[in-house]
Amino acid sequence: MPPDDVDRLYTAMRELRDSVEAYRADLNGRLRSLEAADARRDGEAKATNHLGRIVLGCATMAAAVGGTITLLTDRM
């Protein structure tokens, strides 16, 4: 093989390697974005569930206190 062909092959291989590295970096960036968005959605869902539990707990407690007060006032 003539030296010019070898140089051309090495140049093509370097360009291909650079292209693959850029493609991998782009895919890694996209994957990180997707993972961050997924984590954000999970966090929001957990926060919403937690807030719902707090509201439900407060409503239950208020109903119990209201029932107790009504029972006590009826007996007086």
C-alpha atoms as a PDB file:
ATOM      1  CA  MET A   1       0.000   0.000   0.000  1.00  0.00           C
ATOM      2  CA  PRO A   2       1.390   3.401  -0.869  1.00  0.00           C
ATOM      3  CA  PRO A   3       2.083   5.770   2.040  1.00  0.00           C
ATOM      4  CA  ASP A   4      -0.525   8.243   0.775  1.00  0.00           C
ATOM      5  CA  ASP A   5      -3.250   5.606   1.065  1.00  0.00           C
ATOM      6  CA  VAL A   6      -2.123   4.726   4.585  1.00  0.00           C
ATOM      7  CA  ASP A   7      -2.188   8.389   5.598  1.00  0.00           C
ATOM      8  CA  ARG A   8      -5.636   8.770   4.069  1.00  0.00           C
ATOM      9  CA  LEU A   9      -6.903   5.713   5.982  1.00  0.00           C
ATOM     10  CA  TYR A  10      -5.492   7.010   9.280  1.00  0.00           C
ATOM     11  CA  THR A  11      -7.074  10.410   8.639  1.00  0.00           C
ATOM     12  CA  ALA A  12     -10.433   8.765   7.896  1.00  0.00           C
ATOM     13  CA  MET A  13     -10.131   6.673  11.070  1.00  0.00           C
ATOM     14  CA  ARG A  14      -9.371   9.777  13.169  1.00  0.00           C
ATOM     15  CA  GLU A  15     -12.361  11.606  11.677  1.00  0.00           C
ATOM     16  CA  LEU A  16     -14.584   8.602  12.339  1.00  0.00           C
ATOM     17  CA  ARG A  17     -13.320   8.365  15.938  1.00  0.00           C
ATOM     18  CA  ASP A  18     -13.981  12.074  16.484  1.00  0.00           C
ATOM     19  CA  SER A  19     -17.442  11.704  15.003  1.00  0.00           C
ATOM     20  CA  VAL A  20     -18.244   8.721  17.242  1.00  0.00           C
ATOM     21  CA  GLU A  21     -16.985  10.562  20.334  1.00  0.00           C
ATOM     22  CA  ALA A  22     -19.170  13.581  19.510  1.00  0.00           C
ATOM     23  CA  TYR A  23     -22.170  11.289  18.961  1.00  0.00           C
ATOM     24  CA  ARG A  24     -21.551   9.541  22.301  1.00  0.00           C
ATOM     25  CA  ALA A  25     -21.255  12.865  24.104  1.00  0.00           C
ATOM     26  CA  ASP A  26     -24.544  13.993  22.568  1.00  0.00           C
ATOM     27  CA  LEU A  27     -26.278  10.760  23.586  1.00  0.00           C
ATOM     28  CA  ASN A  28     -24.877  10.980  27.114  1.00  0.00           C
ATOM     29  CA  GLY A  29     -26.167  14.549  27.405  1.00  0.00           C
ATOM     30  CA  ARG A  30     -29.601  13.497  26.216  1.00  0.00           C
ATOM     31  CA  LEU A  31     -29.632  10.558  28.626  1.00  0.00           C
ATOM     32  CA  ARG A  32     -28.732  12.843  31.543  1.00  0.00           C
ATOM     33  CA  SER A  33     -31.558  15.204  30.545  1.00  0.00           C
ATOM     34  CA  LEU A  34     -34.041  12.339  30.433  1.00  0.00           C
ATOM     35  CA  GLU A  35     -32.878  10.995  33.793  1.00  0.00           C
ATOM     36  CA  ALA A  36     -33.134  14.444  35.373  1.00  0.00           C
ATOM     37  CA  ALA A  37     -36.641  14.951  33.964  1.00  0.00           C
ATOM     38  CA  ASP A  38     -37.690  11.518  35.222  1.00  0.00           C
ATOM     39  CA  ALA A  39     -36.294  12.247  38.686  1.00  0.00           C
ATOM     40  CA  ARG A  40     -38.099  15.604  38.722  1.00  0.00           C
ATOM     41  CA  ARG A  41     -41.420  13.945  37.807  1.00  0.00           C
ATOM     42  CA  ASP A  42     -40.922  11.287  40.486  1.00  0.00           C
ATOM     43  CA  GLY A  43     -40.153  13.960  43.068  1.00  0.00           C
ATOM     44  CA  GLU A  44     -43.224  15.964  42.128  1.00  0.00           C
ATOM     45  CA  ALA A  45     -45.420  12.866  42.320  1.00  0.00           C
ATOM     46  CA  LYS A  46     -44.042  11.950  45.740  1.00  0.00           C
ATOM     47  CA  ALA A  47     -44.529  15.514  46.982  1.00  0.00           C
ATOM     48  CA  THR A  48     -48.124  15.522  45.736  1.00  0.00           C
ATOM     49  CA  ASN A  49     -48.816  12.172  47.424  1.00  0.00           C
ATOM     50  CA  HIS A  50     -47.233  13.411  50.633  1.00  0.00           C
ATOM     51  CA  LEU A  51     -49.293  16.607  50.584  1.00  0.00           C
ATOM     52  CA  GLY A  52     -52.448  14.569  49.957  1.00  0.00           C
ATOM     53  CA  ARG A  53     -51.699  12.392  52.954  1.00  0.00           C
ATOM     54  CA  ILE A  54     -51.201  15.441  55.156  1.00  0.00           C
ATOM     55  CA  VAL A  55     -54.481  16.994  54.009  1.00  0.00           C
ATOM     56  CA  LEU A  56     -56.327  13.704  54.492  1.00  0.00           C
ATOM     57  CA  GLY A  57     -54.802  13.302  57.952  1.00  0.00           C
ATOM     58  CA  CYS A  58     -55.805  16.822  58.962  1.00  0.00           C
ATOM     59  CA  ALA A  59     -59.356  16.275  57.682  1.00  0.00           C
ATOM     60  CA  THR A  60     -59.603  13.018  59.608  1.00  0.00           C
ATOM     61  CA  MET A  61     -58.323  14.663  62.771  1.00  0.00           C
ATOM     62  CA  ALA A  62     -60.767  17.565  62.360  1.00  0.00           C
ATOM     63  CA  ALA A  63     -63.652  15.140  61.871  1.00  0.00           C
ATOM     64  CA  ALA A  64     -62.655  13.191  64.976  1.00  0.00           C
ATOM     65  CA  VAL A  65     -62.359  16.354  67.073  1.00  0.00           C
ATOM     66  CA  GLY A  66     -65.644  17.670  65.693  1.00  0.00           C
ATOM     67  CA  GLY A  67     -67.372  14.386  66.467  1.00  0.00           C
ATOM     68  CA  THR A  68     -65.996  14.361  69.988  1.00  0.00           C
ATOM     69  CA  ILE A  69     -67.067  17.958  70.628  1.00  0.00           C
ATOM     70  CA  THR A  70     -70.536  17.245  69.254  1.00  0.00           C
ATOM     71  CA  LEU A  71     -70.850  14.182  71.470  1.00  0.00           C
ATOM     72  CA  LEU A  72     -69.751  16.124  74.545  1.00  0.00           C
ATOM     73  CA  THR A  73     -72.068  19.061  73.880  1.00  0.00           C
ATOM     74  CA  ASP A  74     -75.036  16.754  73.290  1.00  0.00           C
ATOM     75  CA  ARG A  75     -74.499  15.123  76.705  1.00  0.00           C
ATOM     76  CA  MET A  76     -74.478  18.437  78.525  1.00  0.00           C
END
